[in-house]
């Protein structure tokens, strides 16, 4: 059985951390953390080369479910990963920055 990935709150994510957003493209476009890496959950196995191997990945989705699955899978495959509890909703609620792809008012969907 897969071990659950460690969990951190949005406030515990250090500045400069490597953020991995595993939401779908429309969710990403509407609002995401600046500087995050975007790899939808279903694309993760084929896009491992897009991820830094040496960094702890702080994994985000909308509410935490997809991030938990992604982080557990990453841990099984040799990456260091933690789940950001509550996902982008909690990220935004914690006052962390959110941007949109087209410059419109960012929103978490």
PDB file of N, CA and C in Angstrom:
ATOM      1  N   UNK A   1       0.843  -1.192   0.000  1.00  0.00           N
ATOM      2  CA  UNK A   1       0.000   0.000   0.000  1.00  0.00           C
ATOM      3  C   UNK A   1       0.880   1.244   0.000  1.00  0.00           C
ATOM      4  N   UNK A   2       0.468   2.229  -0.735  1.00  0.00           N
ATOM      5  CA  UNK A   2       1.213   3.471  -0.848  1.00  0.00           C
ATOM      6  C   UNK A   2       1.130   4.257   0.443  1.00  0.00           C
ATOM      7  N   UNK A   3       2.293   4.733   0.877  1.00  0.00           N
ATOM      8  CA  UNK A   3       2.326   5.587   2.064  1.00  0.00           C
ATOM      9  C   UNK A   3       1.811   6.974   1.698  1.00  0.00           C
ATOM     10  N   UNK A   4       1.023   7.595   2.579  1.00  0.00           N
ATOM     11  CA  UNK A   4       0.580   8.959   2.279  1.00  0.00           C
ATOM     12  C   UNK A   4       1.764   9.927   2.332  1.00  0.00           C
ATOM     13  N   UNK A   5       1.720  10.927   1.487  1.00  0.00           N
ATOM     14  CA  UNK A   5       2.774  11.937   1.452  1.00  0.00           C
ATOM     15  C   UNK A   5       2.628  12.873   2.650  1.00  0.00           C
ATOM     16  N   UNK A   6       3.735  13.441   3.099  1.00  0.00           N
ATOM     17  CA  UNK A   6       3.658  14.450   4.160  1.00  0.00           C
ATOM     18  C   UNK A   6       2.821  15.638   3.708  1.00  0.00           C
ATOM     19  N   UNK A   7       2.243  16.341   4.666  1.00  0.00           N
ATOM     20  CA  UNK A   7       1.364  17.472   4.384  1.00  0.00           C
ATOM     21  C   UNK A   7       1.891  18.712   5.092  1.00  0.00           C
ATOM     22  N   UNK A   8       1.858  19.854   4.390  1.00  0.00           N
ATOM     23  CA  UNK A   8       2.202  21.145   4.985  1.00  0.00           C
ATOM     24  C   UNK A   8       1.061  22.115   4.704  1.00  0.00           C
ATOM     25  N   UNK A   9       0.963  23.153   5.502  1.00  0.00           N
ATOM     26  CA  UNK A   9      -0.022  24.196   5.233  1.00  0.00           C
ATOM     27  C   UNK A   9       0.574  25.186   4.239  1.00  0.00           C
ATOM     28  N   UNK A  10      -0.278  25.962   3.602  1.00  0.00           N
ATOM     29  CA  UNK A  10       0.193  26.975   2.660  1.00  0.00           C
ATOM     30  C   UNK A  10       1.151  27.947   3.338  1.00  0.00           C
ATOM     31  N   UNK A  11       0.875  28.277   4.595  1.00  0.00           N
ATOM     32  CA  UNK A  11       1.736  29.212   5.325  1.00  0.00           C
ATOM     33  C   UNK A  11       3.122  28.615   5.587  1.00  0.00           C
ATOM     34  N   UNK A  12       3.232  27.292   5.624  1.00  0.00           N
ATOM     35  CA  UNK A  12       4.513  26.635   5.892  1.00  0.00           C
ATOM     36  C   UNK A  12       5.391  26.497   4.652  1.00  0.00           C
ATOM     37  N   UNK A  13       4.856  26.752   3.475  1.00  0.00           N
ATOM     38  CA  UNK A  13       5.648  26.632   2.243  1.00  0.00           C
ATOM     39  C   UNK A  13       6.658  27.772   2.233  1.00  0.00           C
ATOM     40  N   UNK A  14       7.957  27.437   2.204  1.00  0.00           N
ATOM     41  CA  UNK A  14       8.953  28.508   2.235  1.00  0.00           C
ATOM     42  C   UNK A  14       8.990  29.311   0.941  1.00  0.00           C
ATOM     43  N   UNK A  15       9.353  30.587   1.054  1.00  0.00           N
ATOM     44  CA  UNK A  15       9.547  31.407  -0.135  1.00  0.00           C
ATOM     45  C   UNK A  15      10.615  30.747  -0.999  1.00  0.00           C
ATOM     46  N   UNK A  16      10.398  30.740  -2.293  1.00  0.00           N
ATOM     47  CA  UNK A  16      11.361  30.137  -3.198  1.00  0.00           C
ATOM     48  C   UNK A  16      11.217  28.636  -3.362  1.00  0.00           C
ATOM     49  N   UNK A  17      10.225  28.041  -2.710  1.00  0.00           N
ATOM     50  CA  UNK A  17      10.012  26.597  -2.832  1.00  0.00           C
ATOM     51  C   UNK A  17       9.596  26.254  -4.257  1.00  0.00           C
ATOM     52  N   UNK A  18       9.851  25.007  -4.660  1.00  0.00           N
ATOM     53  CA  UNK A  18       9.434  24.535  -5.978  1.00  0.00           C
ATOM     54  C   UNK A  18       7.992  24.046  -5.862  1.00  0.00           C
ATOM     55  N   UNK A  19       7.079  24.769  -6.500  1.00  0.00           N
ATOM     56  CA  UNK A  19       5.660  24.429  -6.465  1.00  0.00           C
ATOM     57  C   UNK A  19       5.294  23.637  -7.710  1.00  0.00           C
ATOM     58  N   UNK A  20       4.553  22.568  -7.532  1.00  0.00           N
ATOM     59  CA  UNK A  20       4.063  21.753  -8.644  1.00  0.00           C
ATOM     60  C   UNK A  20       2.546  21.757  -8.593  1.00  0.00           C
ATOM     61  N   UNK A  21       1.924  22.323  -9.611  1.00  0.00           N
ATOM     62  CA  UNK A  21       0.468  22.410  -9.701  1.00  0.00           C
ATOM     63  C   UNK A  21      -0.008  21.301 -10.639  1.00  0.00           C
ATOM     64  N   UNK A  22      -0.829  20.377 -10.123  1.00  0.00           N
ATOM     65  CA  UNK A  22      -1.263  19.220 -10.916  1.00  0.00           C
ATOM     66  C   UNK A  22      -2.707  19.346 -11.403  1.00  0.00           C
ATOM     67  N   UNK A  23      -3.256  20.569 -11.410  1.00  0.00           N
ATOM     68  CA  UNK A  23      -4.615  20.787 -11.883  1.00  0.00           C
ATOM     69  C   UNK A  23      -4.665  20.792 -13.410  1.00  0.00           C
ATOM     70  N   UNK A  24      -5.869  20.796 -13.943  1.00  0.00           N
ATOM     71  CA  UNK A  24      -6.068  20.819 -15.387  1.00  0.00           C
ATOM     72  C   UNK A  24      -5.793  22.217 -15.950  1.00  0.00           C
ATOM     73  N   UNK A  25      -5.657  22.310 -17.270  1.00  0.00           N
ATOM     74  CA  UNK A  25      -5.264  23.562 -17.922  1.00  0.00           C
ATOM     75  C   UNK A  25      -6.218  24.714 -17.607  1.00  0.00           C
ATOM     76  N   UNK A  26      -7.538  24.480 -17.631  1.00  0.00           N
ATOM     77  CA  UNK A  26      -8.477  25.576 -17.367  1.00  0.00           C
ATOM     78  C   UNK A  26      -8.347  26.100 -15.943  1.00  0.00           C
ATOM     79  N   UNK A  27      -8.074  25.203 -14.995  1.00  0.00           N
ATOM     80  CA  UNK A  27      -7.877  25.620 -13.605  1.00  0.00           C
ATOM     81  C   UNK A  27      -6.610  26.461 -13.480  1.00  0.00           C
ATOM     82  N   UNK A  28      -5.541  26.010 -14.119  1.00  0.00           N
ATOM     83  CA  UNK A  28      -4.262  26.721 -14.122  1.00  0.00           C
ATOM     84  C   UNK A  28      -4.429  28.115 -14.723  1.00  0.00           C
ATOM     85  N   UNK A  29      -5.094  28.184 -15.880  1.00  0.00           N
ATOM     86  CA  UNK A  29      -5.267  29.458 -16.564  1.00  0.00           C
ATOM     87  C   UNK A  29      -5.998  30.473 -15.699  1.00  0.00           C
ATOM     88  N   UNK A  30      -6.996  30.023 -14.953  1.00  0.00           N
ATOM     89  CA  UNK A  30      -7.811  30.921 -14.130  1.00  0.00           C
ATOM     90  C   UNK A  30      -7.018  31.505 -12.963  1.00  0.00           C
ATOM     91  N   UNK A  31      -6.127  30.720 -12.362  1.00  0.00           N
ATOM     92  CA  UNK A  31      -5.340  31.224 -11.247  1.00  0.00           C
ATOM     93  C   UNK A  31      -4.373  30.191 -10.710  1.00  0.00           C
ATOM     94  N   UNK A  32      -3.125  30.597 -10.559  1.00  0.00           N
ATOM     95  CA  UNK A  32      -2.091  29.699 -10.028  1.00  0.00           C
ATOM     96  C   UNK A  32      -1.032  30.504  -9.286  1.00  0.00           C
ATOM     97  N   UNK A  33      -0.212  29.807  -8.543  1.00  0.00           N
ATOM     98  CA  UNK A  33       0.878  30.453  -7.819  1.00  0.00           C
ATOM     99  C   UNK A  33       1.962  30.884  -8.811  1.00  0.00           C
ATOM    100  N   UNK A  34       2.459  32.106  -8.689  1.00  0.00           N
ATOM    101  CA  UNK A  34       3.510  32.557  -9.598  1.00  0.00           C
ATOM    102  C   UNK A  34       4.737  31.639  -9.505  1.00  0.00           C
ATOM    103  N   UNK A  35       5.300  31.310 -10.646  1.00  0.00           N
ATOM    104  CA  UNK A  35       6.511  30.500 -10.672  1.00  0.00           C
ATOM    105  C   UNK A  35       6.297  29.008 -10.521  1.00  0.00           C
ATOM    106  N   UNK A  36       5.052  28.587 -10.331  1.00  0.00           N
ATOM    107  CA  UNK A  36       4.777  27.150 -10.172  1.00  0.00           C
ATOM    108  C   UNK A  36       5.026  26.419 -11.490  1.00  0.00           C
ATOM    109  N   UNK A  37       5.337  25.142 -11.378  1.00  0.00           N
ATOM    110  CA  UNK A  37       5.450  24.264 -12.533  1.00  0.00           C
ATOM    111  C   UNK A  37       4.083  23.635 -12.740  1.00  0.00           C
ATOM    112  N   UNK A  38       3.583  23.650 -13.982  1.00  0.00           N
ATOM    113  CA  UNK A  38       2.265  23.082 -14.253  1.00  0.00           C
ATOM    114  C   UNK A  38       2.409  21.761 -14.992  1.00  0.00           C
ATOM    115  N   UNK A  39       1.996  20.692 -14.333  1.00  0.00           N
ATOM    116  CA  UNK A  39       1.943  19.368 -14.953  1.00  0.00           C
ATOM    117  C   UNK A  39       0.639  18.714 -14.494  1.00  0.00           C
ATOM    118  N   UNK A  40      -0.385  18.662 -15.347  1.00  0.00           N
ATOM    119  CA  UNK A  40      -1.631  18.011 -14.936  1.00  0.00           C
ATOM    120  C   UNK A  40      -1.373  16.584 -14.442  1.00  0.00           C
ATOM    121  N   UNK A  41      -2.143  16.160 -13.465  1.00  0.00           N
ATOM    122  CA  UNK A  41      -1.936  14.858 -12.829  1.00  0.00           C
ATOM    123  C   UNK A  41      -1.799  13.733 -13.847  1.00  0.00           C
ATOM    124  N   UNK A  42      -2.659  13.693 -14.850  1.00  0.00           N
ATOM    125  CA  UNK A  42      -2.616  12.617 -15.830  1.00  0.00           C
ATOM    126  C   UNK A  42      -1.360  12.609 -16.686  1.00  0.00           C
ATOM    127  N   UNK A  43      -0.672  13.751 -16.768  1.00  0.00           N
ATOM    128  CA  UNK A  43       0.551  13.864 -17.564  1.00  0.00           C
ATOM    129  C   UNK A  43       1.814  13.597 -16.757  1.00  0.00           C
ATOM    130  N   UNK A  44       1.686  13.476 -15.455  1.00  0.00           N
ATOM    131  CA  UNK A  44       2.855  13.381 -14.585  1.00  0.00           C
ATOM    132  C   UNK A  44       3.832  12.269 -14.988  1.00  0.00           C
ATOM    133  N   UNK A  45       3.374  11.026 -15.226  1.00  0.00           N
ATOM    134  CA  UNK A  45       4.339   9.975 -15.568  1.00  0.00           C
ATOM    135  C   UNK A  45       5.167  10.280 -16.817  1.00  0.00           C
ATOM    136  N   UNK A  46       4.583  10.957 -17.790  1.00  0.00           N
ATOM    137  CA  UNK A  46       5.306  11.228 -19.034  1.00  0.00           C
ATOM    138  C   UNK A  46       6.108  12.528 -18.980  1.00  0.00           C
ATOM    139  N   UNK A  47       5.968  13.290 -17.894  1.00  0.00           N
ATOM    140  CA  UNK A  47       6.652  14.591 -17.825  1.00  0.00           C
ATOM    141  C   UNK A  47       7.605  14.714 -16.650  1.00  0.00           C
ATOM    142  N   UNK A  48       8.105  13.596 -16.161  1.00  0.00           N
ATOM    143  CA  UNK A  48       9.047  13.643 -15.042  1.00  0.00           C
ATOM    144  C   UNK A  48      10.284  14.469 -15.372  1.00  0.00           C
ATOM    145  N   UNK A  49      10.690  14.485 -16.635  1.00  0.00           N
ATOM    146  CA  UNK A  49      11.873  15.257 -17.030  1.00  0.00           C
ATOM    147  C   UNK A  49      11.675  16.758 -16.807  1.00  0.00           C
ATOM    148  N   UNK A  50      10.424  17.204 -16.669  1.00  0.00           N
ATOM    149  CA  UNK A  50      10.142  18.618 -16.431  1.00  0.00           C
ATOM    150  C   UNK A  50      10.328  19.012 -14.968  1.00  0.00           C
ATOM    151  N   UNK A  51      10.590  18.032 -14.103  1.00  0.00           N
ATOM    152  CA  UNK A  51      10.679  18.300 -12.671  1.00  0.00           C
ATOM    153  C   UNK A  51      12.124  18.256 -12.193  1.00  0.00           C
ATOM    154  N   UNK A  52      12.491  19.190 -11.313  1.00  0.00           N
ATOM    155  CA  UNK A  52      13.843  19.132 -10.748  1.00  0.00           C
ATOM    156  C   UNK A  52      13.953  17.942  -9.787  1.00  0.00           C
ATOM    157  N   UNK A  53      14.989  17.152  -9.956  1.00  0.00           N
ATOM    158  CA  UNK A  53      15.148  15.947  -9.133  1.00  0.00           C
ATOM    159  C   UNK A  53      15.676  16.269  -7.741  1.00  0.00           C
ATOM    160  N   UNK A  54      16.366  17.383  -7.582  1.00  0.00           N
ATOM    161  CA  UNK A  54      17.050  17.669  -6.325  1.00  0.00           C
ATOM    162  C   UNK A  54      16.209  18.474  -5.340  1.00  0.00           C
ATOM    163  N   UNK A  55      15.072  18.987  -5.763  1.00  0.00           N
ATOM    164  CA  UNK A  55      14.271  19.865  -4.909  1.00  0.00           C
ATOM    165  C   UNK A  55      13.094  19.130  -4.286  1.00  0.00           C
ATOM    166  N   UNK A  56      12.673  19.595  -3.109  1.00  0.00           N
ATOM    167  CA  UNK A  56      11.426  19.116  -2.528  1.00  0.00           C
ATOM    168  C   UNK A  56      10.285  19.804  -3.265  1.00  0.00           C
ATOM    169  N   UNK A  57       9.394  19.018  -3.816  1.00  0.00           N
ATOM    170  CA  UNK A  57       8.259  19.550  -4.570  1.00  0.00           C
ATOM    171  C   UNK A  57       7.080  19.776  -3.629  1.00  0.00           C
ATOM    172  N   UNK A  58       6.536  20.972  -3.643  1.00  0.00           N
ATOM    173  CA  UNK A  58       5.351  21.325  -2.876  1.00  0.00           C
ATOM    174  C   UNK A  58       4.184  21.178  -3.846  1.00  0.00           C
ATOM    175  N   UNK A  59       3.350  20.150  -3.683  1.00  0.00           N
ATOM    176  CA  UNK A  59       2.360  19.787  -4.685  1.00  0.00           C
ATOM    177  C   UNK A  59       0.991  20.379  -4.342  1.00  0.00           C
ATOM    178  N   UNK A  60       0.406  21.043  -5.339  1.00  0.00           N
ATOM    179  CA  UNK A  60      -0.887  21.724  -5.190  1.00  0.00           C
ATOM    180  C   UNK A  60      -1.890  21.224  -6.214  1.00  0.00           C
ATOM    181  N   UNK A  61      -3.158  21.211  -5.824  1.00  0.00           N
ATOM    182  CA  UNK A  61      -4.276  21.062  -6.756  1.00  0.00           C
ATOM    183  C   UNK A  61      -5.344  22.035  -6.272  1.00  0.00           C
ATOM    184  N   UNK A  62      -6.592  21.770  -6.524  1.00  0.00           N
ATOM    185  CA  UNK A  62      -7.623  22.707  -6.057  1.00  0.00           C
ATOM    186  C   UNK A  62      -7.850  22.572  -4.557  1.00  0.00           C
ATOM    187  N   UNK A  63      -8.038  21.333  -4.085  1.00  0.00           N
ATOM    188  CA  UNK A  63      -8.367  21.142  -2.669  1.00  0.00           C
ATOM    189  C   UNK A  63      -7.454  20.151  -1.942  1.00  0.00           C
ATOM    190  N   UNK A  64      -6.672  19.360  -2.662  1.00  0.00           N
ATOM    191  CA  UNK A  64      -5.730  18.460  -2.008  1.00  0.00           C
ATOM    192  C   UNK A  64      -5.756  17.016  -2.449  1.00  0.00           C
ATOM    193  N   UNK A  65      -6.857  16.548  -3.042  1.00  0.00           N
ATOM    194  CA  UNK A  65      -6.968  15.135  -3.420  1.00  0.00           C
ATOM    195  C   UNK A  65      -5.997  14.718  -4.502  1.00  0.00           C
ATOM    196  N   UNK A  66      -5.964  15.459  -5.590  1.00  0.00           N
ATOM    197  CA  UNK A  66      -5.041  15.127  -6.688  1.00  0.00           C
ATOM    198  C   UNK A  66      -3.599  15.326  -6.251  1.00  0.00           C
ATOM    199  N   UNK A  67      -3.348  16.351  -5.455  1.00  0.00           N
ATOM    200  CA  UNK A  67      -1.987  16.602  -4.983  1.00  0.00           C
ATOM    201  C   UNK A  67      -1.494  15.453  -4.115  1.00  0.00           C
ATOM    202  N   UNK A  68      -2.384  14.899  -3.302  1.00  0.00           N
ATOM    203  CA  UNK A  68      -2.016  13.763  -2.457  1.00  0.00           C
ATOM    204  C   UNK A  68      -1.619  12.558  -3.302  1.00  0.00           C
ATOM    205  N   UNK A  69      -2.412  12.268  -4.333  1.00  0.00           N
ATOM    206  CA  UNK A  69      -2.082  11.148  -5.225  1.00  0.00           C
ATOM    207  C   UNK A  69      -0.765  11.403  -5.946  1.00  0.00           C
ATOM    208  N   UNK A  70      -0.581  12.626  -6.440  1.00  0.00           N
ATOM    209  CA  UNK A  70       0.642  12.968  -7.172  1.00  0.00           C
ATOM    210  C   UNK A  70       1.866  12.874  -6.269  1.00  0.00           C
ATOM    211  N   UNK A  71       1.778  13.430  -5.065  1.00  0.00           N
ATOM    212  CA  UNK A  71       2.934  13.420  -4.159  1.00  0.00           C
ATOM    213  C   UNK A  71       3.298  12.002  -3.753  1.00  0.00           C
ATOM    214  N   UNK A  72       2.309  11.169  -3.480  1.00  0.00           N
ATOM    215  CA  UNK A  72       2.595   9.774  -3.123  1.00  0.00           C
ATOM    216  C   UNK A  72       3.291   9.060  -4.278  1.00  0.00           C
ATOM    217  N   UNK A  73       2.808   9.282  -5.491  1.00  0.00           N
ATOM    218  CA  UNK A  73       3.416   8.664  -6.668  1.00  0.00           C
ATOM    219  C   UNK A  73       4.844   9.170  -6.859  1.00  0.00           C
ATOM    220  N   UNK A  74       5.049  10.474  -6.674  1.00  0.00           N
ATOM    221  CA  UNK A  74       6.394  11.042  -6.806  1.00  0.00           C
ATOM    222  C   UNK A  74       7.345  10.439  -5.776  1.00  0.00           C
ATOM    223  N   UNK A  75       6.885  10.279  -4.548  1.00  0.00           N
ATOM    224  CA  UNK A  75       7.723   9.668  -3.511  1.00  0.00           C
ATOM    225  C   UNK A  75       8.122   8.248  -3.897  1.00  0.00           C
ATOM    226  N   UNK A  76       7.186   7.485  -4.447  1.00  0.00           N
ATOM    227  CA  UNK A  76       7.474   6.120  -4.881  1.00  0.00           C
ATOM    228  C   UNK A  76       8.492   6.084  -6.017  1.00  0.00           C
ATOM    229  N   UNK A  77       8.601   7.194  -6.749  1.00  0.00           N
ATOM    230  CA  UNK A  77       9.497   7.262  -7.893  1.00  0.00           C
ATOM    231  C   UNK A  77      10.757   8.084  -7.624  1.00  0.00           C
ATOM    232  N   UNK A  78      11.098   8.228  -6.352  1.00  0.00           N
ATOM    233  CA  UNK A  78      12.375   8.817  -5.984  1.00  0.00           C
ATOM    234  C   UNK A  78      12.422  10.317  -5.814  1.00  0.00           C
ATOM    235  N   UNK A  79      11.288  10.978  -5.884  1.00  0.00           N
ATOM    236  CA  UNK A  79      11.252  12.425  -5.686  1.00  0.00           C
ATOM    237  C   UNK A  79      10.898  12.739  -4.240  1.00  0.00           C
ATOM    238  N   UNK A  80      11.281  13.913  -3.796  1.00  0.00           N
ATOM    239  CA  UNK A  80      10.922  14.420  -2.473  1.00  0.00           C
ATOM    240  C   UNK A  80       9.715  15.323  -2.674  1.00  0.00           C
ATOM    241  N   UNK A  81       8.561  14.962  -2.108  1.00  0.00           N
ATOM    242  CA  UNK A  81       7.336  15.719  -2.356  1.00  0.00           C
ATOM    243  C   UNK A  81       6.473  15.795  -1.108  1.00  0.00           C
ATOM    244  N   UNK A  82       5.803  16.934  -0.960  1.00  0.00           N
ATOM    245  CA  UNK A  82       4.831  17.129   0.114  1.00  0.00           C
ATOM    246  C   UNK A  82       3.558  17.715  -0.484  1.00  0.00           C
ATOM    247  N   UNK A  83       2.454  17.507   0.182  1.00  0.00           N
ATOM    248  CA  UNK A  83       1.155  18.032  -0.245  1.00  0.00           C
ATOM    249  C   UNK A  83       0.898  19.355   0.472  1.00  0.00           C
ATOM    250  N   UNK A  84       0.474  20.353  -0.291  1.00  0.00           N
ATOM    251  CA  UNK A  84       0.042  21.604   0.324  1.00  0.00           C
ATOM    252  C   UNK A  84      -1.427  21.424   0.690  1.00  0.00           C
ATOM    253  N   UNK A  85      -1.679  21.311   1.984  1.00  0.00           N
ATOM    254  CA  UNK A  85      -3.022  21.026   2.502  1.00  0.00           C
ATOM    255  C   UNK A  85      -4.028  22.079   2.036  1.00  0.00           C
ATOM    256  N   UNK A  86      -5.146  21.600   1.516  1.00  0.00           N
ATOM    257  CA  UNK A  86      -6.203  22.504   1.083  1.00  0.00           C
ATOM    258  C   UNK A  86      -5.988  23.101  -0.294  1.00  0.00           C
ATOM    259  N   UNK A  87      -4.870  22.788  -0.926  1.00  0.00           N
ATOM    260  CA  UNK A  87      -4.607  23.197  -2.297  1.00  0.00           C
ATOM    261  C   UNK A  87      -4.619  24.696  -2.531  1.00  0.00           C
ATOM    262  N   UNK A  88      -4.982  25.061  -3.755  1.00  0.00           N
ATOM    263  CA  UNK A  88      -4.974  26.468  -4.153  1.00  0.00           C
ATOM    264  C   UNK A  88      -5.995  27.294  -3.385  1.00  0.00           C
ATOM    265  N   UNK A  89      -7.087  26.674  -2.946  1.00  0.00           N
ATOM    266  CA  UNK A  89      -8.049  27.402  -2.124  1.00  0.00           C
ATOM    267  C   UNK A  89      -7.406  27.879  -0.836  1.00  0.00           C
ATOM    268  N   UNK A  90      -6.693  26.987  -0.161  1.00  0.00           N
ATOM    269  CA  UNK A  90      -6.002  27.349   1.079  1.00  0.00           C
ATOM    270  C   UNK A  90      -4.843  28.301   0.795  1.00  0.00           C
ATOM    271  N   UNK A  91      -4.178  28.104  -0.344  1.00  0.00           N
ATOM    272  CA  UNK A  91      -3.076  28.990  -0.740  1.00  0.00           C
ATOM    273  C   UNK A  91      -3.587  30.435  -0.827  1.00  0.00           C
ATOM    274  N   UNK A  92      -4.688  30.607  -1.537  1.00  0.00           N
ATOM    275  CA  UNK A  92      -5.263  31.943  -1.691  1.00  0.00           C
ATOM    276  C   UNK A  92      -5.764  32.485  -0.355  1.00  0.00           C
ATOM    277  N   UNK A  93      -6.421  31.642   0.433  1.00  0.00           N
ATOM    278  CA  UNK A  93      -6.941  32.064   1.742  1.00  0.00           C
ATOM    279  C   UNK A  93      -5.823  32.500   2.687  1.00  0.00           C
ATOM    280  N   UNK A  94      -4.625  31.924   2.507  1.00  0.00           N
ATOM    281  CA  UNK A  94      -3.478  32.266   3.358  1.00  0.00           C
ATOM    282  C   UNK A  94      -2.800  33.560   2.903  1.00  0.00           C
ATOM    283  N   UNK A  95      -3.345  34.183   1.839  1.00  0.00           N
ATOM    284  CA  UNK A  95      -2.774  35.431   1.361  1.00  0.00           C
ATOM    285  C   UNK A  95      -1.556  35.245   0.473  1.00  0.00           C
ATOM    286  N   UNK A  96      -1.327  34.012   0.015  1.00  0.00           N
ATOM    287  CA  UNK A  96      -0.210  33.756  -0.888  1.00  0.00           C
ATOM    288  C   UNK A  96      -0.592  34.255  -2.281  1.00  0.00           C
ATOM    289  N   UNK A  97       0.378  34.656  -3.100  1.00  0.00           N
ATOM    290  CA  UNK A  97       0.057  35.256  -4.396  1.00  0.00           C
ATOM    291  C   UNK A  97      -0.558  34.272  -5.392  1.00  0.00           C
ATOM    292  N   UNK A  98      -1.484  34.797  -6.185  1.00  0.00           N
ATOM    293  CA  UNK A  98      -2.143  34.034  -7.253  1.00  0.00           C
ATOM    294  C   UNK A  98      -2.188  34.934  -8.479  1.00  0.00           C
ATOM    295  N   UNK A  99      -1.843  34.364  -9.642  1.00  0.00           N
ATOM    296  CA  UNK A  99      -1.891  35.092 -10.911  1.00  0.00           C
ATOM    297  C   UNK A  99      -2.691  34.274 -11.914  1.00  0.00           C
ATOM    298  N   UNK A 100      -3.189  34.950 -12.952  1.00  0.00           N
ATOM    299  CA  UNK A 100      -3.883  34.244 -14.034  1.00  0.00           C
ATOM    300  C   UNK A 100      -2.990  34.262 -15.271  1.00  0.00           C
ATOM    301  N   UNK A 101      -3.283  33.406 -16.215  1.00  0.00           N
ATOM    302  CA  UNK A 101      -2.488  33.333 -17.443  1.00  0.00           C
ATOM    303  C   UNK A 101      -2.710  34.533 -18.342  1.00  0.00           C
ATOM    304  N   UNK A 102      -3.924  35.103 -18.348  1.00  0.00           N
ATOM    305  CA  UNK A 102      -4.218  36.184 -19.280  1.00  0.00           C
ATOM    306  C   UNK A 102      -4.200  37.577 -18.628  1.00  0.00           C
ATOM    307  N   UNK A 103      -3.786  37.651 -17.370  1.00  0.00           N
ATOM    308  CA  UNK A 103      -3.716  38.939 -16.689  1.00  0.00           C
ATOM    309  C   UNK A 103      -5.017  39.397 -16.071  1.00  0.00           C
ATOM    310  N   UNK A 104      -6.105  38.620 -16.259  1.00  0.00           N
ATOM    311  CA  UNK A 104      -7.379  38.979 -15.635  1.00  0.00           C
ATOM    312  C   UNK A 104      -7.303  38.689 -14.135  1.00  0.00           C
ATOM    313  N   UNK A 105      -8.331  39.090 -13.415  1.00  0.00           N
ATOM    314  CA  UNK A 105      -8.391  38.838 -11.984  1.00  0.00           C
ATOM    315  C   UNK A 105      -8.264  37.333 -11.729  1.00  0.00           C
ATOM    316  N   UNK A 106      -7.230  36.893 -11.001  1.00  0.00           N
ATOM    317  CA  UNK A 106      -7.062  35.456 -10.784  1.00  0.00           C
ATOM    318  C   UNK A 106      -8.150  34.893  -9.881  1.00  0.00           C
ATOM    319  N   UNK A 107      -8.520  33.646 -10.170  1.00  0.00           N
ATOM    320  CA  UNK A 107      -9.497  32.963  -9.325  1.00  0.00           C
ATOM    321  C   UNK A 107      -9.146  31.488  -9.295  1.00  0.00           C
ATOM    322  N   UNK A 108      -9.498  30.852  -8.204  1.00  0.00           N
ATOM    323  CA  UNK A 108      -9.256  29.435  -8.044  1.00  0.00           C
ATOM    324  C   UNK A 108     -10.537  28.698  -8.383  1.00  0.00           C
ATOM    325  N   UNK A 109     -10.456  27.840  -9.404  1.00  0.00           N
ATOM    326  CA  UNK A 109     -11.631  27.053  -9.810  1.00  0.00           C
ATOM    327  C   UNK A 109     -11.305  25.585  -9.708  1.00  0.00           C
TER     328      UNK A 109
END
